[in-house]
PDB file of N, CA and C in Angstrom:
ATOM      1  N   MET A   1     -24.711   6.867   8.945  1.00  0.00           N
ATOM      2  CA  MET A   1     -24.686   5.562   8.476  1.00  0.00           C
ATOM      3  C   MET A   1     -24.577   4.609   9.718  1.00  0.00           C
ATOM      4  N   TRP A   2     -25.367   3.565   9.633  1.00  0.00           N
ATOM      5  CA  TRP A   2     -25.378   2.581  10.726  1.00  0.00           C
ATOM      6  C   TRP A   2     -25.209   1.203  10.135  1.00  0.00           C
ATOM      7  N   ILE A   3     -24.308   0.375  10.652  1.00  0.00           N
ATOM      8  CA  ILE A   3     -24.152  -1.003  10.158  1.00  0.00           C
ATOM      9  C   ILE A   3     -23.989  -1.986  11.344  1.00  0.00           C
ATOM     10  N   PHE A   4     -24.768  -3.090  11.313  1.00  0.00           N
ATOM     11  CA  PHE A   4     -24.595  -4.115  12.233  1.00  0.00           C
ATOM     12  C   PHE A   4     -23.343  -4.940  12.005  1.00  0.00           C
ATOM     13  N   SER A   5     -22.746  -5.508  12.970  1.00  0.00           N
ATOM     14  CA  SER A   5     -21.727  -6.484  12.821  1.00  0.00           C
ATOM     15  C   SER A   5     -22.287  -7.781  12.245  1.00  0.00           C
ATOM     16  N   PRO A   6     -21.570  -8.626  11.600  1.00  0.00           N
ATOM     17  CA  PRO A   6     -22.187  -9.877  11.084  1.00  0.00           C
ATOM     18  C   PRO A   6     -22.866 -10.698  12.202  1.00  0.00           C
ATOM     19  N   ASP A   7     -22.367 -10.718  13.346  1.00  0.00           N
ATOM     20  CA  ASP A   7     -23.011 -11.488  14.441  1.00  0.00           C
ATOM     21  C   ASP A   7     -24.091 -10.733  15.131  1.00  0.00           C
ATOM     22  N   GLY A   8     -24.330  -9.400  14.853  1.00  0.00           N
ATOM     23  CA  GLY A   8     -25.334  -8.650  15.415  1.00  0.00           C
ATOM     24  C   GLY A   8     -25.011  -8.173  16.779  1.00  0.00           C
ATOM     25  N   ARG A   9     -23.753  -8.356  17.305  1.00  0.00           N
ATOM     26  CA  ARG A   9     -23.442  -7.910  18.670  1.00  0.00           C
ATOM     27  C   ARG A   9     -22.906  -6.506  18.725  1.00  0.00           C
ATOM     28  N   ARG A  10     -22.708  -5.853  17.589  1.00  0.00           N
ATOM     29  CA  ARG A  10     -22.215  -4.466  17.529  1.00  0.00           C
ATOM     30  C   ARG A  10     -22.905  -3.755  16.460  1.00  0.00           C
ATOM     31  N   ILE A  11     -22.995  -2.439  16.651  1.00  0.00           N
ATOM     32  CA  ILE A  11     -23.478  -1.580  15.622  1.00  0.00           C
ATOM     33  C   ILE A  11     -22.412  -0.470  15.504  1.00  0.00           C
ATOM     34  N   VAL A  12     -22.003  -0.134  14.252  1.00  0.00           N
ATOM     35  CA  VAL A  12     -21.019   0.880  14.009  1.00  0.00           C
ATOM     36  C   VAL A  12     -21.678   2.038  13.227  1.00  0.00           C
ATOM     37  N   SER A  13     -21.458   3.201  13.746  1.00  0.00           N
ATOM     38  CA  SER A  13     -22.025   4.464  13.132  1.00  0.00           C
ATOM     39  C   SER A  13     -20.914   5.420  12.664  1.00  0.00           C
ATOM     40  N   GLY A  14     -21.106   6.041  11.528  1.00  0.00           N
ATOM     41  CA  GLY A  14     -20.184   7.048  11.107  1.00  0.00           C
ATOM     42  C   GLY A  14     -20.992   8.324  11.149  1.00  0.00           C
ATOM     43  N   SER A  15     -20.336   9.412  11.655  1.00  0.00           N
ATOM     44  CA  SER A  15     -20.987  10.655  11.890  1.00  0.00           C
ATOM     45  C   SER A  15     -20.398  11.709  11.113  1.00  0.00           C
ATOM     46  N   LEU A  16     -21.214  12.895  10.990  1.00  0.00           N
ATOM     47  CA  LEU A  16     -20.704  14.095  10.317  1.00  0.00           C
ATOM     48  C   LEU A  16     -19.654  14.797  11.047  1.00  0.00           C
ATOM     49  N   ASP A  17     -19.473  14.456  12.378  1.00  0.00           N
ATOM     50  CA  ASP A  17     -18.375  15.082  13.161  1.00  0.00           C
ATOM     51  C   ASP A  17     -16.993  14.372  13.052  1.00  0.00           C
ATOM     52  N   SER A  18     -16.914  13.532  11.961  1.00  0.00           N
ATOM     53  CA  SER A  18     -15.674  12.804  11.715  1.00  0.00           C
ATOM     54  C   SER A  18     -15.244  11.855  12.776  1.00  0.00           C
ATOM     55  N   THR A  19     -16.236  11.099  13.293  1.00  0.00           N
ATOM     56  CA  THR A  19     -15.984  10.010  14.250  1.00  0.00           C
ATOM     57  C   THR A  19     -16.695   8.748  13.802  1.00  0.00           C
ATOM     58  N   VAL A  20     -16.177   7.655  14.200  1.00  0.00           N
ATOM     59  CA  VAL A  20     -16.903   6.397  14.095  1.00  0.00           C
ATOM     60  C   VAL A  20     -17.012   5.815  15.425  1.00  0.00           C
ATOM     61  N   ARG A  21     -18.319   5.341  15.768  1.00  0.00           N
ATOM     62  CA  ARG A  21     -18.635   4.808  17.062  1.00  0.00           C
ATOM     63  C   ARG A  21     -19.006   3.360  16.910  1.00  0.00           C
ATOM     64  N   VAL A  22     -18.455   2.553  17.909  1.00  0.00           N
ATOM     65  CA  VAL A  22     -18.914   1.107  17.964  1.00  0.00           C
ATOM     66  C   VAL A  22     -19.833   1.070  19.100  1.00  0.00           C
ATOM     67  N   TRP A  23     -21.091   0.534  18.946  1.00  0.00           N
ATOM     68  CA  TRP A  23     -22.086   0.510  20.105  1.00  0.00           C
ATOM     69  C   TRP A  23     -22.519  -0.885  20.403  1.00  0.00           C
ATOM     70  N   ASP A  24     -22.914  -1.050  21.624  1.00  0.00           N
ATOM     71  CA  ASP A  24     -23.567  -2.284  22.108  1.00  0.00           C
ATOM     72  C   ASP A  24     -25.003  -2.160  21.922  1.00  0.00           C
ATOM     73  N   PRO A  25     -25.668  -2.815  21.015  1.00  0.00           N
ATOM     74  CA  PRO A  25     -27.171  -2.618  20.776  1.00  0.00           C
ATOM     75  C   PRO A  25     -27.997  -2.962  22.001  1.00  0.00           C
ATOM     76  N   ALA A  26     -27.525  -3.826  22.846  1.00  0.00           N
ATOM     77  CA  ALA A  26     -28.313  -4.291  24.037  1.00  0.00           C
ATOM     78  C   ALA A  26     -28.391  -3.189  25.071  1.00  0.00           C
ATOM     79  N   SER A  27     -27.266  -2.447  25.236  1.00  0.00           N
ATOM     80  CA  SER A  27     -27.290  -1.404  26.334  1.00  0.00           C
ATOM     81  C   SER A  27     -27.195   0.014  25.785  1.00  0.00           C
ATOM     82  N   ALA A  28     -26.974   0.178  24.474  1.00  0.00           N
ATOM     83  CA  ALA A  28     -26.805   1.474  23.889  1.00  0.00           C
ATOM     84  C   ALA A  28     -25.550   2.172  24.275  1.00  0.00           C
ATOM     85  N   ALA A  29     -24.678   1.429  24.874  1.00  0.00           N
ATOM     86  CA  ALA A  29     -23.354   2.007  25.305  1.00  0.00           C
ATOM     87  C   ALA A  29     -22.415   2.052  24.103  1.00  0.00           C
ATOM     88  N   VAL A  30     -21.565   3.179  24.140  1.00  0.00           N
ATOM     89  CA  VAL A  30     -20.476   3.294  23.192  1.00  0.00           C
ATOM     90  C   VAL A  30     -19.325   2.484  23.679  1.00  0.00           C
ATOM     91  N   LEU A  31     -18.949   1.478  22.869  1.00  0.00           N
ATOM     92  CA  LEU A  31     -17.795   0.602  23.196  1.00  0.00           C
ATOM     93  C   LEU A  31     -16.433   1.170  22.687  1.00  0.00           C
ATOM     94  N   CYS A  32     -16.547   1.917  21.680  1.00  0.00           N
ATOM     95  CA  CYS A  32     -15.261   2.472  21.159  1.00  0.00           C
ATOM     96  C   CYS A  32     -15.624   3.737  20.264  1.00  0.00           C
ATOM     97  N   LEU A  33     -14.727   4.795  20.450  1.00  0.00           N
ATOM     98  CA  LEU A  33     -14.839   5.917  19.693  1.00  0.00           C
ATOM     99  C   LEU A  33     -13.600   6.122  18.826  1.00  0.00           C
ATOM    100  N   LEU A  34     -13.714   6.143  17.595  1.00  0.00           N
ATOM    101  CA  LEU A  34     -12.598   6.346  16.647  1.00  0.00           C
ATOM    102  C   LEU A  34     -12.657   7.714  15.988  1.00  0.00           C
ATOM    103  N   ARG A  35     -11.560   8.409  16.029  1.00  0.00           N
ATOM    104  CA  ARG A  35     -11.493   9.775  15.441  1.00  0.00           C
ATOM    105  C   ARG A  35     -11.145   9.604  13.946  1.00  0.00           C
ATOM    106  N   GLY A  36     -11.927  10.251  13.056  1.00  0.00           N
ATOM    107  CA  GLY A  36     -11.650  10.234  11.701  1.00  0.00           C
ATOM    108  C   GLY A  36     -12.827   9.497  10.905  1.00  0.00           C
ATOM    109  N   GLN A  37     -12.638   9.312   9.607  1.00  0.00           N
ATOM    110  CA  GLN A  37     -13.597   8.679   8.787  1.00  0.00           C
ATOM    111  C   GLN A  37     -12.963   7.328   8.366  1.00  0.00           C
ATOM    112  N   GLY A  38     -13.777   6.290   8.519  1.00  0.00           N
ATOM    113  CA  GLY A  38     -13.283   4.915   8.148  1.00  0.00           C
ATOM    114  C   GLY A  38     -14.399   4.139   7.540  1.00  0.00           C
ATOM    115  N   ASP A  39     -13.974   2.946   7.116  1.00  0.00           N
ATOM    116  CA  ASP A  39     -14.990   1.946   6.561  1.00  0.00           C
ATOM    117  C   ASP A  39     -15.806   1.302   7.627  1.00  0.00           C
ATOM    118  N   ALA A  40     -17.013   1.802   7.809  1.00  0.00           N
ATOM    119  CA  ALA A  40     -17.849   1.304   8.936  1.00  0.00           C
ATOM    120  C   ALA A  40     -18.137  -0.165   8.810  1.00  0.00           C
ATOM    121  N   ALA A  41     -18.260  -0.637   7.549  1.00  0.00           N
ATOM    122  CA  ALA A  41     -18.597  -2.110   7.337  1.00  0.00           C
ATOM    123  C   ALA A  41     -17.383  -2.989   7.819  1.00  0.00           C
ATOM    124  N   ALA A  42     -16.163  -2.586   7.440  1.00  0.00           N
ATOM    125  CA  ALA A  42     -15.001  -3.299   7.912  1.00  0.00           C
ATOM    126  C   ALA A  42     -14.860  -3.199   9.440  1.00  0.00           C
ATOM    127  N   ILE A  43     -15.065  -2.102   9.908  1.00  0.00           N
ATOM    128  CA  ILE A  43     -14.950  -1.932  11.412  1.00  0.00           C
ATOM    129  C   ILE A  43     -16.035  -2.853  12.121  1.00  0.00           C
ATOM    130  N   ALA A  44     -17.213  -2.847  11.590  1.00  0.00           N
ATOM    131  CA  ALA A  44     -18.296  -3.662  12.133  1.00  0.00           C
ATOM    132  C   ALA A  44     -17.917  -5.163  12.063  1.00  0.00           C
ATOM    133  N   ALA A  45     -17.260  -5.594  10.994  1.00  0.00           N
ATOM    134  CA  ALA A  45     -16.832  -7.029  10.791  1.00  0.00           C
ATOM    135  C   ALA A  45     -15.835  -7.486  11.902  1.00  0.00           C
ATOM    136  N   GLY A  46     -15.059  -6.431  12.426  1.00  0.00           N
ATOM    137  CA  GLY A  46     -14.195  -6.688  13.531  1.00  0.00           C
ATOM    138  C   GLY A  46     -12.745  -7.097  13.104  1.00  0.00           C
ATOM    139  N   PRO A  47     -11.844  -6.902  14.076  1.00  0.00           N
ATOM    140  CA  PRO A  47     -10.435  -7.095  13.820  1.00  0.00           C
ATOM    141  C   PRO A  47     -10.085  -8.561  13.377  1.00  0.00           C
ATOM    142  N   GLU A  48     -10.891  -9.577  13.708  1.00  0.00           N
ATOM    143  CA  GLU A  48     -10.611 -10.850  13.241  1.00  0.00           C
ATOM    144  C   GLU A  48     -10.576 -10.972  11.730  1.00  0.00           C
ATOM    145  N   GLN A  49     -11.532 -10.331  11.066  1.00  0.00           N
ATOM    146  CA  GLN A  49     -11.681 -10.315   9.679  1.00  0.00           C
ATOM    147  C   GLN A  49     -10.893  -9.235   9.049  1.00  0.00           C
ATOM    148  N   PHE A  50     -10.788  -7.988   9.546  1.00  0.00           N
ATOM    149  CA  PHE A  50     -10.049  -6.889   9.060  1.00  0.00           C
ATOM    150  C   PHE A  50      -9.076  -6.372  10.196  1.00  0.00           C
ATOM    151  N   PRO A  51      -7.896  -6.938  10.231  1.00  0.00           N
ATOM    152  CA  PRO A  51      -6.949  -6.647  11.280  1.00  0.00           C
ATOM    153  C   PRO A  51      -6.390  -5.242  11.170  1.00  0.00           C
ATOM    154  N   LEU A  52      -6.443  -4.658  10.012  1.00  0.00           N
ATOM    155  CA  LEU A  52      -5.982  -3.296   9.745  1.00  0.00           C
ATOM    156  C   LEU A  52      -7.160  -2.443   9.316  1.00  0.00           C
ATOM    157  N   ARG A  53      -7.053  -1.181   9.610  1.00  0.00           N
ATOM    158  CA  ARG A  53      -8.132  -0.223   9.169  1.00  0.00           C
ATOM    159  C   ARG A  53      -7.492   1.053   8.634  1.00  0.00           C
ATOM    160  N   ALA A  54      -8.147   1.720   7.739  1.00  0.00           N
ATOM    161  CA  ALA A  54      -7.665   3.093   7.269  1.00  0.00           C
ATOM    162  C   ALA A  54      -8.622   4.122   7.862  1.00  0.00           C
ATOM    163  N   MET A  55      -8.077   5.117   8.435  1.00  0.00           N
ATOM    164  CA  MET A  55      -8.847   6.278   9.045  1.00  0.00           C
ATOM    165  C   MET A  55      -8.342   7.570   8.460  1.00  0.00           C
ATOM    166  N   GLY A  56      -9.243   8.310   7.769  1.00  0.00           N
ATOM    167  CA  GLY A  56      -8.939   9.616   7.354  1.00  0.00           C
ATOM    168  C   GLY A  56      -9.219  10.625   8.360  1.00  0.00           C
ATOM    169  N   ARG A  57      -8.174  11.455   8.592  1.00  0.00           N
ATOM    170  CA  ARG A  57      -8.246  12.456   9.604  1.00  0.00           C
ATOM    171  C   ARG A  57      -7.625  13.778   9.007  1.00  0.00           C
ATOM    172  N   GLN A  58      -8.290  14.871   9.256  1.00  0.00           N
ATOM    173  CA  GLN A  58      -7.844  16.231   8.825  1.00  0.00           C
ATOM    174  C   GLN A  58      -6.902  16.241   7.723  1.00  0.00           C
ATOM    175  N   LEU A  59      -5.611  16.021   7.871  1.00  0.00           N
ATOM    176  CA  LEU A  59      -4.551  16.153   6.816  1.00  0.00           C
ATOM    177  C   LEU A  59      -3.886  14.851   6.500  1.00  0.00           C
ATOM    178  N   GLU A  60      -4.374  13.757   7.001  1.00  0.00           N
ATOM    179  CA  GLU A  60      -3.735  12.522   6.737  1.00  0.00           C
ATOM    180  C   GLU A  60      -4.694  11.312   6.711  1.00  0.00           C
ATOM    181  N   THR A  61      -4.217  10.186   6.205  1.00  0.00           N
ATOM    182  CA  THR A  61      -4.895   8.945   6.314  1.00  0.00           C
ATOM    183  C   THR A  61      -3.876   7.906   7.004  1.00  0.00           C
ATOM    184  N   ALA A  62      -4.405   7.319   8.093  1.00  0.00           N
ATOM    185  CA  ALA A  62      -3.543   6.439   8.824  1.00  0.00           C
ATOM    186  C   ALA A  62      -4.046   5.048   8.685  1.00  0.00           C
ATOM    187  N   ILE A  63      -3.099   4.076   8.446  1.00  0.00           N
ATOM    188  CA  ILE A  63      -3.445   2.681   8.452  1.00  0.00           C
ATOM    189  C   ILE A  63      -3.065   2.168   9.900  1.00  0.00           C
ATOM    190  N   GLU A  64      -4.018   1.580  10.579  1.00  0.00           N
ATOM    191  CA  GLU A  64      -3.805   1.230  11.937  1.00  0.00           C
ATOM    192  C   GLU A  64      -4.060  -0.251  12.215  1.00  0.00           C
ATOM    193  N   GLN A  65      -3.496  -0.792  13.241  1.00  0.00           N
ATOM    194  CA  GLN A  65      -3.841  -2.071  13.756  1.00  0.00           C
ATOM    195  C   GLN A  65      -5.298  -1.923  14.370  1.00  0.00           C
ATOM    196  N   ALA A  66      -6.252  -2.795  14.011  1.00  0.00           N
ATOM    197  CA  ALA A  66      -7.578  -2.686  14.506  1.00  0.00           C
ATOM    198  C   ALA A  66      -7.656  -2.992  16.052  1.00  0.00           C
ATOM    199  N   HIS A  67      -6.899  -3.864  16.518  1.00  0.00           N
ATOM    200  CA  HIS A  67      -7.001  -4.237  17.966  1.00  0.00           C
ATOM    201  C   HIS A  67      -6.400  -3.049  18.798  1.00  0.00           C
ATOM    202  N   SER A  68      -5.367  -2.410  18.442  1.00  0.00           N
ATOM    203  CA  SER A  68      -4.712  -1.444  19.257  1.00  0.00           C
ATOM    204  C   SER A  68      -4.817  -0.018  18.872  1.00  0.00           C
ATOM    205  N   GLY A  69      -5.107   0.229  17.619  1.00  0.00           N
ATOM    206  CA  GLY A  69      -5.054   1.654  17.072  1.00  0.00           C
ATOM    207  C   GLY A  69      -3.707   2.112  16.807  1.00  0.00           C
ATOM    208  N   GLU A  70      -2.679   1.279  16.879  1.00  0.00           N
ATOM    209  CA  GLU A  70      -1.305   1.639  16.553  1.00  0.00           C
ATOM    210  C   GLU A  70      -1.127   1.799  15.022  1.00  0.00           C
ATOM    211  N   SER A  71      -0.548   2.933  14.680  1.00  0.00           N
ATOM    212  CA  SER A  71      -0.390   3.248  13.220  1.00  0.00           C
ATOM    213  C   SER A  71       0.738   2.352  12.662  1.00  0.00           C
ATOM    214  N   VAL A  72       0.417   1.843  11.459  1.00  0.00           N
ATOM    215  CA  VAL A  72       1.381   1.008  10.754  1.00  0.00           C
ATOM    216  C   VAL A  72       1.934   1.848   9.597  1.00  0.00           C
ATOM    217  N   ALA A  73       1.132   2.826   8.991  1.00  0.00           N
ATOM    218  CA  ALA A  73       1.653   3.615   7.932  1.00  0.00           C
ATOM    219  C   ALA A  73       0.740   4.828   7.863  1.00  0.00           C
ATOM    220  N   TRP A  74       1.100   5.883   7.217  1.00  0.00           N
ATOM    221  CA  TRP A  74       0.291   7.042   7.055  1.00  0.00           C
ATOM    222  C   TRP A  74       0.563   7.772   5.694  1.00  0.00           C
ATOM    223  N   PHE A  75      -0.356   8.445   5.223  1.00  0.00           N
ATOM    224  CA  PHE A  75      -0.254   9.149   3.921  1.00  0.00           C
ATOM    225  C   PHE A  75      -0.676  10.591   4.147  1.00  0.00           C
ATOM    226  N   PRO A  76      -0.093  11.582   3.518  1.00  0.00           N
ATOM    227  CA  PRO A  76      -0.504  12.944   3.600  1.00  0.00           C
ATOM    228  C   PRO A  76      -1.834  12.987   2.711  1.00  0.00           C
ATOM    229  N   GLY A  77      -2.766  13.680   3.286  1.00  0.00           N
ATOM    230  CA  GLY A  77      -4.083  13.821   2.604  1.00  0.00           C
ATOM    231  C   GLY A  77      -5.107  12.863   3.266  1.00  0.00           C
ATOM    232  N   ALA A  78      -6.176  13.557   3.676  1.00  0.00           N
ATOM    233  CA  ALA A  78      -7.268  12.710   4.249  1.00  0.00           C
ATOM    234  C   ALA A  78      -8.194  12.174   3.260  1.00  0.00           C
ATOM    235  N   MET A  79      -8.483  10.820   3.338  1.00  0.00           N
ATOM    236  CA  MET A  79      -9.391  10.187   2.494  1.00  0.00           C
ATOM    237  C   MET A  79     -10.782  10.191   3.157  1.00  0.00           C
ATOM    238  N   ALA A  80     -11.833  10.177   2.348  1.00  0.00           N
ATOM    239  CA  ALA A  80     -13.247  10.048   2.823  1.00  0.00           C
ATOM    240  C   ALA A  80     -13.828   8.907   2.036  1.00  0.00           C
ATOM    241  N   TYR A  81     -14.996   8.485   2.400  1.00  0.00           N
ATOM    242  CA  TYR A  81     -15.707   7.360   1.822  1.00  0.00           C
ATOM    243  C   TYR A  81     -14.761   6.211   1.559  1.00  0.00           C
ATOM    244  N   ILE A  82     -14.114   5.743   2.627  1.00  0.00           N
ATOM    245  CA  ILE A  82     -13.135   4.672   2.556  1.00  0.00           C
ATOM    246  C   ILE A  82     -13.826   3.254   2.417  1.00  0.00           C
ATOM    247  N   ALA A  83     -13.335   2.415   1.462  1.00  0.00           N
ATOM    248  CA  ALA A  83     -13.751   1.102   1.315  1.00  0.00           C
ATOM    249  C   ALA A  83     -12.600   0.104   1.482  1.00  0.00           C
ATOM    250  N   THR A  84     -12.691  -0.899   2.165  1.00  0.00           N
ATOM    251  CA  THR A  84     -11.669  -1.894   2.448  1.00  0.00           C
ATOM    252  C   THR A  84     -11.786  -3.045   1.508  1.00  0.00           C
ATOM    253  N   HIS A  85     -10.686  -3.421   0.883  1.00  0.00           N
ATOM    254  CA  HIS A  85     -10.606  -4.589  -0.008  1.00  0.00           C
ATOM    255  C   HIS A  85     -10.789  -5.868   0.910  1.00  0.00           C
ATOM    256  N   PRO A  86     -11.362  -6.929   0.368  1.00  0.00           N
ATOM    257  CA  PRO A  86     -11.526  -8.185   1.108  1.00  0.00           C
ATOM    258  C   PRO A  86     -10.258  -8.731   1.688  1.00  0.00           C
ATOM    259  N   SER A  87      -9.112  -8.444   1.024  1.00  0.00           N
ATOM    260  CA  SER A  87      -7.723  -8.855   1.495  1.00  0.00           C
ATOM    261  C   SER A  87      -7.358  -8.167   2.803  1.00  0.00           C
ATOM    262  N   ALA A  88      -8.048  -7.053   3.133  1.00  0.00           N
ATOM    263  CA  ALA A  88      -7.715  -6.218   4.329  1.00  0.00           C
ATOM    264  C   ALA A  88      -6.363  -5.586   4.218  1.00  0.00           C
ATOM    265  N   ARG A  89      -5.841  -5.470   2.968  1.00  0.00           N
ATOM    266  CA  ARG A  89      -4.511  -4.846   2.794  1.00  0.00           C
ATOM    267  C   ARG A  89      -4.515  -3.811   1.689  1.00  0.00           C
ATOM    268  N   ALA A  90      -5.720  -3.422   1.294  1.00  0.00           N
ATOM    269  CA  ALA A  90      -5.864  -2.345   0.276  1.00  0.00           C
ATOM    270  C   ALA A  90      -7.083  -1.528   0.611  1.00  0.00           C
ATOM    271  N   TRP A  91      -7.116  -0.209   0.325  1.00  0.00           N
ATOM    272  CA  TRP A  91      -8.199   0.662   0.596  1.00  0.00           C
ATOM    273  C   TRP A  91      -8.370   1.600  -0.608  1.00  0.00           C
ATOM    274  N   ALA A  92      -9.669   1.932  -0.874  1.00  0.00           N
ATOM    275  CA  ALA A  92      -9.989   2.910  -1.899  1.00  0.00           C
ATOM    276  C   ALA A  92     -10.757   4.054  -1.176  1.00  0.00           C
ATOM    277  N   GLY A  93     -10.647   5.288  -1.569  1.00  0.00           N
ATOM    278  CA  GLY A  93     -11.294   6.399  -0.993  1.00  0.00           C
ATOM    279  C   GLY A  93     -11.210   7.527  -1.860  1.00  0.00           C
ATOM    280  N   ALA A  94     -11.882   8.675  -1.412  1.00  0.00           N
ATOM    281  CA  ALA A  94     -11.857   9.941  -2.187  1.00  0.00           C
ATOM    282  C   ALA A  94     -11.012  10.953  -1.380  1.00  0.00           C
ATOM    283  N   ALA A  95     -10.257  11.642  -2.216  1.00  0.00           N
ATOM    284  CA  ALA A  95      -9.526  12.862  -1.633  1.00  0.00           C
ATOM    285  C   ALA A  95      -9.767  14.004  -2.678  1.00  0.00           C
ATOM    286  N   ARG A  96     -10.521  14.875  -2.205  1.00  0.00           N
ATOM    287  CA  ARG A  96     -11.048  16.025  -3.114  1.00  0.00           C
ATOM    288  C   ARG A  96     -11.732  15.328  -4.224  1.00  0.00           C
ATOM    289  N   ASP A  97     -11.295  15.642  -5.539  1.00  0.00           N
ATOM    290  CA  ASP A  97     -11.880  15.032  -6.720  1.00  0.00           C
ATOM    291  C   ASP A  97     -11.168  13.850  -7.262  1.00  0.00           C
ATOM    292  N   TYR A  98     -10.457  13.143  -6.356  1.00  0.00           N
ATOM    293  CA  TYR A  98      -9.615  12.039  -6.823  1.00  0.00           C
ATOM    294  C   TYR A  98     -10.028  10.723  -6.176  1.00  0.00           C
ATOM    295  N   LEU A  99      -9.885   9.660  -6.874  1.00  0.00           N
ATOM    296  CA  LEU A  99     -10.000   8.313  -6.344  1.00  0.00           C
ATOM    297  C   LEU A  99      -8.554   7.977  -5.930  1.00  0.00           C
ATOM    298  N   VAL A 100      -8.369   7.538  -4.679  1.00  0.00           N
ATOM    299  CA  VAL A 100      -7.071   7.154  -4.120  1.00  0.00           C
ATOM    300  C   VAL A 100      -7.052   5.657  -3.789  1.00  0.00           C
ATOM    301  N   LEU A 101      -6.005   4.973  -4.099  1.00  0.00           N
ATOM    302  CA  LEU A 101      -5.835   3.590  -3.749  1.00  0.00           C
ATOM    303  C   LEU A 101      -4.555   3.413  -2.904  1.00  0.00           C
ATOM    304  N   ILE A 102      -4.742   2.727  -1.771  1.00  0.00           N
ATOM    305  CA  ILE A 102      -3.562   2.529  -0.886  1.00  0.00           C
ATOM    306  C   ILE A 102      -3.465   1.048  -0.763  1.00  0.00           C
ATOM    307  N   THR A 103      -2.220   0.483  -0.922  1.00  0.00           N
ATOM    308  CA  THR A 103      -2.008  -0.954  -0.645  1.00  0.00           C
ATOM    309  C   THR A 103      -0.860  -1.079   0.313  1.00  0.00           C
ATOM    310  N   LEU A 104      -0.889  -2.152   1.066  1.00  0.00           N
ATOM    311  CA  LEU A 104       0.238  -2.428   2.021  1.00  0.00           C
ATOM    312  C   LEU A 104       0.924  -3.640   1.442  1.00  0.00           C
ATOM    313  N   GLU A 105       2.226  -3.622   1.345  1.00  0.00           N
ATOM    314  CA  GLU A 105       3.032  -4.721   0.739  1.00  0.00           C
ATOM    315  C   GLU A 105       4.017  -5.190   1.801  1.00  0.00           C
ATOM    316  N   GLY A 106       4.478  -6.480   1.609  1.00  0.00           N
ATOM    317  CA  GLY A 106       5.423  -7.018   2.560  1.00  0.00           C
ATOM    318  C   GLY A 106       4.782  -7.878   3.638  1.00  0.00           C
ATOM    319  N   ASP A 107       5.460  -8.746   4.227  1.00  0.00           N
ATOM    320  CA  ASP A 107       4.855  -9.673   5.297  1.00  0.00           C
ATOM    321  C   ASP A 107       4.431  -8.952   6.445  1.00  0.00           C
ATOM    322  N   ALA A 108       5.212  -7.999   6.942  1.00  0.00           N
ATOM    323  CA  ALA A 108       4.883  -7.246   8.155  1.00  0.00           C
ATOM    324  C   ALA A 108       3.797  -6.132   7.937  1.00  0.00           C
ATOM    325  N   GLY A 109       3.610  -5.762   6.658  1.00  0.00           N
ATOM    326  CA  GLY A 109       2.661  -4.763   6.424  1.00  0.00           C
ATOM    327  C   GLY A 109       3.196  -3.346   6.656  1.00  0.00           C
ATOM    328  N   HIS A 110       4.547  -3.200   6.757  1.00  0.00           N
ATOM    329  CA  HIS A 110       5.078  -1.866   7.103  1.00  0.00           C
ATOM    330  C   HIS A 110       5.469  -1.144   5.860  1.00  0.00           C
ATOM    331  N   GLU A 111       5.553  -1.784   4.701  1.00  0.00           N
ATOM    332  CA  GLU A 111       5.832  -1.131   3.409  1.00  0.00           C
ATOM    333  C   GLU A 111       4.440  -0.804   2.831  1.00  0.00           C
ATOM    334  N   ALA A 112       4.303   0.524   2.608  1.00  0.00           N
ATOM    335  CA  ALA A 112       2.993   0.933   2.012  1.00  0.00           C
ATOM    336  C   ALA A 112       3.251   1.713   0.779  1.00  0.00           C
ATOM    337  N   ARG A 113       2.275   1.640  -0.139  1.00  0.00           N
ATOM    338  CA  ARG A 113       2.341   2.277  -1.407  1.00  0.00           C
ATOM    339  C   ARG A 113       1.121   3.026  -1.634  1.00  0.00           C
ATOM    340  N   LEU A 114       1.145   4.253  -2.013  1.00  0.00           N
ATOM    341  CA  LEU A 114       0.029   5.112  -2.420  1.00  0.00           C
ATOM    342  C   LEU A 114      -0.017   5.121  -3.932  1.00  0.00           C
ATOM    343  N   SER A 115      -1.166   4.712  -4.505  1.00  0.00           N
ATOM    344  CA  SER A 115      -1.325   4.727  -5.930  1.00  0.00           C
ATOM    345  C   SER A 115      -1.677   6.188  -6.347  1.00  0.00           C
ATOM    346  N   ARG A 116      -1.341   6.492  -7.606  1.00  0.00           N
ATOM    347  CA  ARG A 116      -1.768   7.811  -8.045  1.00  0.00           C
ATOM    348  C   ARG A 116      -3.227   8.030  -7.975  1.00  0.00           C
ATOM    349  N   GLY A 117      -3.573   9.230  -7.698  1.00  0.00           N
ATOM    350  CA  GLY A 117      -5.036   9.532  -7.738  1.00  0.00           C
ATOM    351  C   GLY A 117      -5.558   9.618  -9.144  1.00  0.00           C
ATOM    352  N   THR A 118      -6.741   9.270  -9.319  1.00  0.00           N
ATOM    353  CA  THR A 118      -7.474   9.284 -10.565  1.00  0.00           C
ATOM    354  C   THR A 118      -8.657  10.251 -10.409  1.00  0.00           C
ATOM    355  N   PRO A 119      -8.710  11.309 -11.272  1.00  0.00           N
ATOM    356  CA  PRO A 119      -9.854  12.249 -11.137  1.00  0.00           C
ATOM    357  C   PRO A 119     -11.144  11.523 -11.333  1.00  0.00           C
ATOM    358  N   PHE A 120     -12.193  11.895 -10.642  1.00  0.00           N
ATOM    359  CA  PHE A 120     -13.511  11.332 -10.786  1.00  0.00           C
ATOM    360  C   PHE A 120     -14.038  11.999 -12.178  1.00  0.00           C
ATOM    361  N   GLY A 121     -14.750  11.271 -12.907  1.00  0.00           N
ATOM    362  CA  GLY A 121     -15.140  11.838 -14.194  1.00  0.00           C
ATOM    363  C   GLY A 121     -16.546  11.763 -14.461  1.00  0.00           C
TER     364      GLY A 121
END
């Protein structure tokens, strides 16, 4: 999957090796390598629009500050096919055969809630 940033200055790619790369389209240089599966469209939009990101990795899903990569919250179980809510404080994704919803609550974003999984039908 390849997605241009809204301003066209970055390209974000998601790979089968469970990485997300941010590219400079003018030089083809990798600007950032993120380990895990994340919402490429939200990452392409940038930290100004989406200051937090969800990254699914092996046995967990981490909610991170987009600028620094610092974890704010984490959940057991790796999510795939992650989509970011426009509020940038909720995510939906797949974990095995379940739809999983994650929301961050509180002003500082440090209280996190994992909604019950719903089986795909």
